[in-house]
C-alpha atoms as a PDB file:
ATOM      1  CA  MET A   1      76.847 123.436 -83.506  1.00  0.00           C
ATOM      2  CA  THR A   2      77.102 120.900 -80.708  1.00  0.00           C
ATOM      3  CA  LEU A   3      78.003 117.293 -81.250  1.00  0.00           C
ATOM      4  CA  PRO A   4      75.567 114.561 -80.205  1.00  0.00           C
ATOM      5  CA  PRO A   5      76.249 113.029 -76.823  1.00  0.00           C
ATOM      6  CA  VAL A   6      78.914 110.377 -76.987  1.00  0.00           C
ATOM      7  CA  PRO A   7      77.786 107.038 -75.581  1.00  0.00           C
ATOM      8  CA  PRO A   8      79.754 105.700 -72.630  1.00  0.00           C
ATOM      9  CA  ALA A   9      83.027 104.320 -73.971  1.00  0.00           C
ATOM     10  CA  GLY A  10      82.433 101.056 -72.144  1.00  0.00           C
ATOM     11  CA  SER A  11      79.410 100.299 -74.308  1.00  0.00           C
ATOM     12  CA  LEU A  12      81.275 100.795 -77.610  1.00  0.00           C
ATOM     13  CA  SER A  13      84.198  98.858 -78.979  1.00  0.00           C
ATOM     14  CA  LEU A  14      85.997  98.069 -82.205  1.00  0.00           C
ATOM     15  CA  ALA A  15      86.786  94.477 -83.179  1.00  0.00           C
ATOM     16  CA  PRO A  16      88.629  93.012 -86.173  1.00  0.00           C
ATOM     17  CA  ALA A  17      86.561  91.800 -89.122  1.00  0.00           C
ATOM     18  CA  GLY A  18      87.247  88.613 -91.033  1.00  0.00           C
ATOM     19  CA  GLU A  19      86.841  87.144 -94.515  1.00  0.00           C
ATOM     20  CA  GLY A  20      83.483  85.608 -93.581  1.00  0.00           C
ATOM     21  CA  ASP A  21      81.945  88.924 -92.531  1.00  0.00           C
ATOM     22  CA  PHE A  22      81.335  90.335 -96.019  1.00  0.00           C
ATOM     23  CA  GLU A  23      77.596  89.573 -96.320  1.00  0.00           C
ATOM     24  CA  ALA A  24      76.751  90.986 -92.884  1.00  0.00           C
ATOM     25  CA  LEU A  25      78.729  94.143 -93.608  1.00  0.00           C
ATOM     26  CA  LEU A  26      77.153  94.515 -97.047  1.00  0.00           C
ATOM     27  CA  SER A  27      73.691  94.285 -95.475  1.00  0.00           C
ATOM     28  CA  LEU A  28      74.683  96.921 -92.933  1.00  0.00           C
ATOM     29  CA  ARG A  29      76.087  99.208 -95.676  1.00  0.00           C
ATOM     30  CA  LEU A  30      72.869  98.915 -97.701  1.00  0.00           C
ATOM     31  CA  ALA A  31      70.771  99.854 -94.670  1.00  0.00           C
ATOM     32  CA  ALA A  32      73.047 102.762 -93.754  1.00  0.00           C
ATOM     33  CA  MET A  33      73.293 104.216 -97.270  1.00  0.00           C
ATOM     34  CA  ARG A  34      69.812 103.583 -98.606  1.00  0.00           C
ATOM     35  CA  GLU A  35      68.297 106.956 -97.731  1.00  0.00           C
ATOM     36  CA  SER A  36      71.225 108.980 -99.147  1.00  0.00           C
ATOM     37  CA  LEU A  37      71.422 106.883-102.297  1.00  0.00           C
ATOM     38  CA  ASP A  38      67.651 107.056-102.808  1.00  0.00           C
ATOM     39  CA  LYS A  39      67.846 110.873-102.605  1.00  0.00           C
ATOM     40  CA  ALA A  40      70.548 110.834-105.297  1.00  0.00           C
ATOM     41  CA  GLY A  41      68.576 108.344-107.404  1.00  0.00           C
ATOM     42  CA  ARG A  42      71.499 105.914-107.168  1.00  0.00           C
ATOM     43  CA  PHE A  43      70.376 103.104-104.855  1.00  0.00           C
ATOM     44  CA  ASP A  44      71.498  99.898-106.545  1.00  0.00           C
ATOM     45  CA  PRO A  45      72.198  96.850-104.350  1.00  0.00           C
ATOM     46  CA  GLN A  46      74.312  95.206-107.068  1.00  0.00           C
ATOM     47  CA  ARG A  47      76.523  98.283-107.488  1.00  0.00           C
ATOM     48  CA  ALA A  48      76.866  98.495-103.690  1.00  0.00           C
ATOM     49  CA  ARG A  49      77.942  94.835-103.590  1.00  0.00           C
ATOM     50  CA  GLU A  50      80.517  95.388-106.335  1.00  0.00           C
ATOM     51  CA  ARG A  51      81.930  98.528-104.711  1.00  0.00           C
ATOM     52  CA  LEU A  52      82.278  96.939-101.292  1.00  0.00           C
ATOM     53  CA  SER A  53      83.703  93.687-102.687  1.00  0.00           C
ATOM     54  CA  ARG A  54      86.372  95.591-104.665  1.00  0.00           C
ATOM     55  CA  GLY A  55      87.561  97.309-101.528  1.00  0.00           C
ATOM     56  CA  TYR A  56      86.815  94.746 -98.847  1.00  0.00           C
ATOM     57  CA  LEU A  57      90.045  94.432 -96.940  1.00  0.00           C
ATOM     58  CA  PRO A  58      89.437  92.495 -93.715  1.00  0.00           C
ATOM     59  CA  ALA A  59      92.890  93.452 -92.405  1.00  0.00           C
ATOM     60  CA  TYR A  60      91.802  97.121 -92.320  1.00  0.00           C
ATOM     61  CA  THR A  61      88.155  96.543 -91.378  1.00  0.00           C
ATOM     62  CA  ARG A  62      86.791  96.757 -87.852  1.00  0.00           C
ATOM     63  CA  HIS A  63      83.341  95.995 -86.533  1.00  0.00           C
ATOM     64  CA  ILE A  64      81.682  98.681 -84.450  1.00  0.00           C
ATOM     65  CA  LEU A  65      80.038  96.992 -81.495  1.00  0.00           C
ATOM     66  CA  ARG A  66      77.596  98.503 -79.020  1.00  0.00           C
ATOM     67  CA  SER A  67      77.211  96.289 -75.973  1.00  0.00           C
ATOM     68  CA  GLY A  68      78.547  93.431 -78.109  1.00  0.00           C
ATOM     69  CA  GLU A  69      76.058  93.964 -80.972  1.00  0.00           C
ATOM     70  CA  LEU A  70      77.239  94.851 -84.489  1.00  0.00           C
ATOM     71  CA  VAL A  71      75.983  98.376 -85.291  1.00  0.00           C
ATOM     72  CA  GLY A  72      78.506  99.419 -87.941  1.00  0.00           C
ATOM     73  CA  PHE A  73      81.897  99.026 -89.460  1.00  0.00           C
ATOM     74  CA  VAL A  74      84.879 101.151 -90.364  1.00  0.00           C
ATOM     75  CA  VAL A  75      87.630 100.597 -92.941  1.00  0.00           C
ATOM     76  CA  VAL A  76      90.831 102.620 -92.670  1.00  0.00           C
ATOM     77  CA  VAL A  77      93.496 101.928 -95.289  1.00  0.00           C
ATOM     78  CA  PRO A  78      97.021 103.193 -94.602  1.00  0.00           C
ATOM     79  CA  ARG A  79      98.658 104.881 -97.581  1.00  0.00           C
ATOM     80  CA  GLU A  80     102.047 106.489 -98.041  1.00  0.00           C
ATOM     81  CA  HIS A  81     101.036 110.077 -97.238  1.00  0.00           C
ATOM     82  CA  ASP A  82      97.701 109.626 -95.457  1.00  0.00           C
ATOM     83  CA  TRP A  83      95.088 107.188 -94.268  1.00  0.00           C
ATOM     84  CA  LEU A  84      91.995 106.587 -96.361  1.00  0.00           C
ATOM     85  CA  LEU A  85      88.784 106.376 -94.362  1.00  0.00           C
ATOM     86  CA  ASP A  86      87.279 104.144 -97.018  1.00  0.00           C
ATOM     87  CA  HIS A  87      84.065 103.149 -95.229  1.00  0.00           C
ATOM     88  CA  LEU A  88      82.276 104.256 -92.081  1.00  0.00           C
ATOM     89  CA  TYR A  89      78.734 102.969 -91.787  1.00  0.00           C
ATOM     90  CA  ILE A  90      76.409 103.011 -88.812  1.00  0.00           C
ATOM     91  CA  HIS A  91      73.143 101.074 -88.922  1.00  0.00           C
ATOM     92  CA  PRO A  92      70.129 103.436 -88.969  1.00  0.00           C
ATOM     93  CA  SER A  93      69.005 102.073 -85.592  1.00  0.00           C
ATOM     94  CA  ALA A  94      72.216 103.483 -84.042  1.00  0.00           C
ATOM     95  CA  GLN A  95      72.545 106.714 -86.042  1.00  0.00           C
ATOM     96  CA  GLY A  96      72.267 110.037 -84.263  1.00  0.00           C
ATOM     97  CA  GLU A  97      73.515 108.594 -80.975  1.00  0.00           C
ATOM     98  CA  GLY A  98      77.157 109.626 -81.212  1.00  0.00           C
ATOM     99  CA  VAL A  99      78.441 106.230 -82.351  1.00  0.00           C
ATOM    100  CA  GLY A 100      79.991 107.625 -85.538  1.00  0.00           C
ATOM    101  CA  SER A 101      81.597 110.488 -83.610  1.00  0.00           C
ATOM    102  CA  TRP A 102      83.092 108.024 -81.147  1.00  0.00           C
ATOM    103  CA  VAL A 103      84.490 105.853 -83.958  1.00  0.00           C
ATOM    104  CA  LEU A 104      85.872 108.813 -85.870  1.00  0.00           C
ATOM    105  CA  ALA A 105      87.531 110.117 -82.692  1.00  0.00           C
ATOM    106  CA  GLN A 106      89.276 106.739 -82.324  1.00  0.00           C
ATOM    107  CA  VAL A 107      90.451 106.804 -85.959  1.00  0.00           C
ATOM    108  CA  LEU A 108      91.680 110.402 -85.737  1.00  0.00           C
ATOM    109  CA  ARG A 109      93.513 109.716 -82.473  1.00  0.00           C
ATOM    110  CA  GLU A 110      95.286 106.759 -84.112  1.00  0.00           C
ATOM    111  CA  ALA A 111      96.116 108.826 -87.216  1.00  0.00           C
ATOM    112  CA  ASP A 112      97.467 111.680 -85.098  1.00  0.00           C
ATOM    113  CA  ALA A 113      99.687 109.262 -83.184  1.00  0.00           C
ATOM    114  CA  GLN A 114     101.197 108.251 -86.560  1.00  0.00           C
ATOM    115  CA  HIS A 115     101.277 111.874 -87.841  1.00  0.00           C
ATOM    116  CA  LYS A 116      98.991 110.952 -90.743  1.00  0.00           C
ATOM    117  CA  ALA A 117      96.300 112.983 -92.470  1.00  0.00           C
ATOM    118  CA  VAL A 118      92.966 111.269 -93.113  1.00  0.00           C
ATOM    119  CA  SER A 119      91.125 111.401 -96.452  1.00  0.00           C
ATOM    120  CA  VAL A 120      87.457 110.549 -96.978  1.00  0.00           C
ATOM    121  CA  THR A 121      84.900 110.698 -99.780  1.00  0.00           C
ATOM    122  CA  ALA A 122      81.213 111.396 -99.176  1.00  0.00           C
ATOM    123  CA  LEU A 123      78.222 111.287-101.490  1.00  0.00           C
ATOM    124  CA  LYS A 124      76.983 114.754-102.415  1.00  0.00           C
ATOM    125  CA  HIS A 125      73.889 115.812-100.462  1.00  0.00           C
ATOM    126  CA  SER A 126      74.530 113.144 -97.817  1.00  0.00           C
ATOM    127  CA  ASP A 127      74.291 113.985 -94.124  1.00  0.00           C
ATOM    128  CA  ALA A 128      77.828 112.582 -93.914  1.00  0.00           C
ATOM    129  CA  ASN A 129      79.163 115.848 -95.348  1.00  0.00           C
ATOM    130  CA  ARG A 130      78.094 117.856 -92.291  1.00  0.00           C
ATOM    131  CA  PHE A 131      79.472 115.103 -90.075  1.00  0.00           C
ATOM    132  CA  TYR A 132      82.946 115.257 -91.639  1.00  0.00           C
ATOM    133  CA  LEU A 133      83.033 119.060 -91.677  1.00  0.00           C
ATOM    134  CA  ARG A 134      82.119 119.082 -87.959  1.00  0.00           C
ATOM    135  CA  HIS A 135      85.073 116.814 -87.281  1.00  0.00           C
ATOM    136  CA  GLY A 136      87.692 119.003 -88.913  1.00  0.00           C
ATOM    137  CA  PHE A 137      87.721 117.712 -92.481  1.00  0.00           C
ATOM    138  CA  VAL A 138      88.201 120.287 -95.239  1.00  0.00           C
ATOM    139  CA  LEU A 139      86.692 119.985 -98.700  1.00  0.00           C
ATOM    140  CA  GLN A 140      89.436 119.372-101.272  1.00  0.00           C
ATOM    141  CA  ALA A 141      87.599 118.561-104.495  1.00  0.00           C
ATOM    142  CA  GLU A 142      84.199 117.851-105.973  1.00  0.00           C
ATOM    143  CA  GLY A 143      83.303 115.095-108.433  1.00  0.00           C
ATOM    144  CA  GLU A 144      80.095 114.302-110.269  1.00  0.00           C
ATOM    145  CA  TRP A 145      78.626 112.333-107.354  1.00  0.00           C
ATOM    146  CA  ASP A 146      81.089 112.751-104.492  1.00  0.00           C
ATOM    147  CA  LEU A 147      82.907 115.291-102.346  1.00  0.00           C
ATOM    148  CA  TYR A 148      86.526 114.679-101.302  1.00  0.00           C
ATOM    149  CA  TYR A 149      87.777 115.753 -97.882  1.00  0.00           C
ATOM    150  CA  LEU A 150      91.063 115.819 -95.994  1.00  0.00           C
ATOM    151  CA  ARG A 151      91.745 116.207 -92.299  1.00  0.00           C
ATOM    152  CA  ALA A 152      95.365 117.270 -91.829  1.00  0.00           C
ATOM    153  CA  ALA A 153      97.657 115.396 -89.470  1.00  0.00           C
ATOM    154  CA  ARG A 154      97.927 116.864 -86.003  1.00  0.00           C
END
């Protein structure tokens, strides 16, 4: 399987998020996850707000910008033995264009430089599962609603 074309690096960038960015990022998360959560019968804006607010850590959150426009965000939380890729959301208008692959490549390059594995959780039946498998993640466990992956340090 071939990866989607990666947009020119000059058009994509990562920028730090701040405390005041929560509502914009929540809106983006809802748009990005709606289809997958609808399929699972679990779309609930209030639950999405609560989940994101519990884990919203601006220090570990970066905006994904395409030509200066917010098209997603990524949250990577360093832990003792690995890094947790806690959130990676791309707005539907930018999905399928290689943006997520570009972001994940940046995260994995940073993790490799620190000799850290990367863990991620994905909703069962979500397209995200194929995405993570394509990028070297290996299924570790299965829960009621989620699948748990690990990409070993390199």
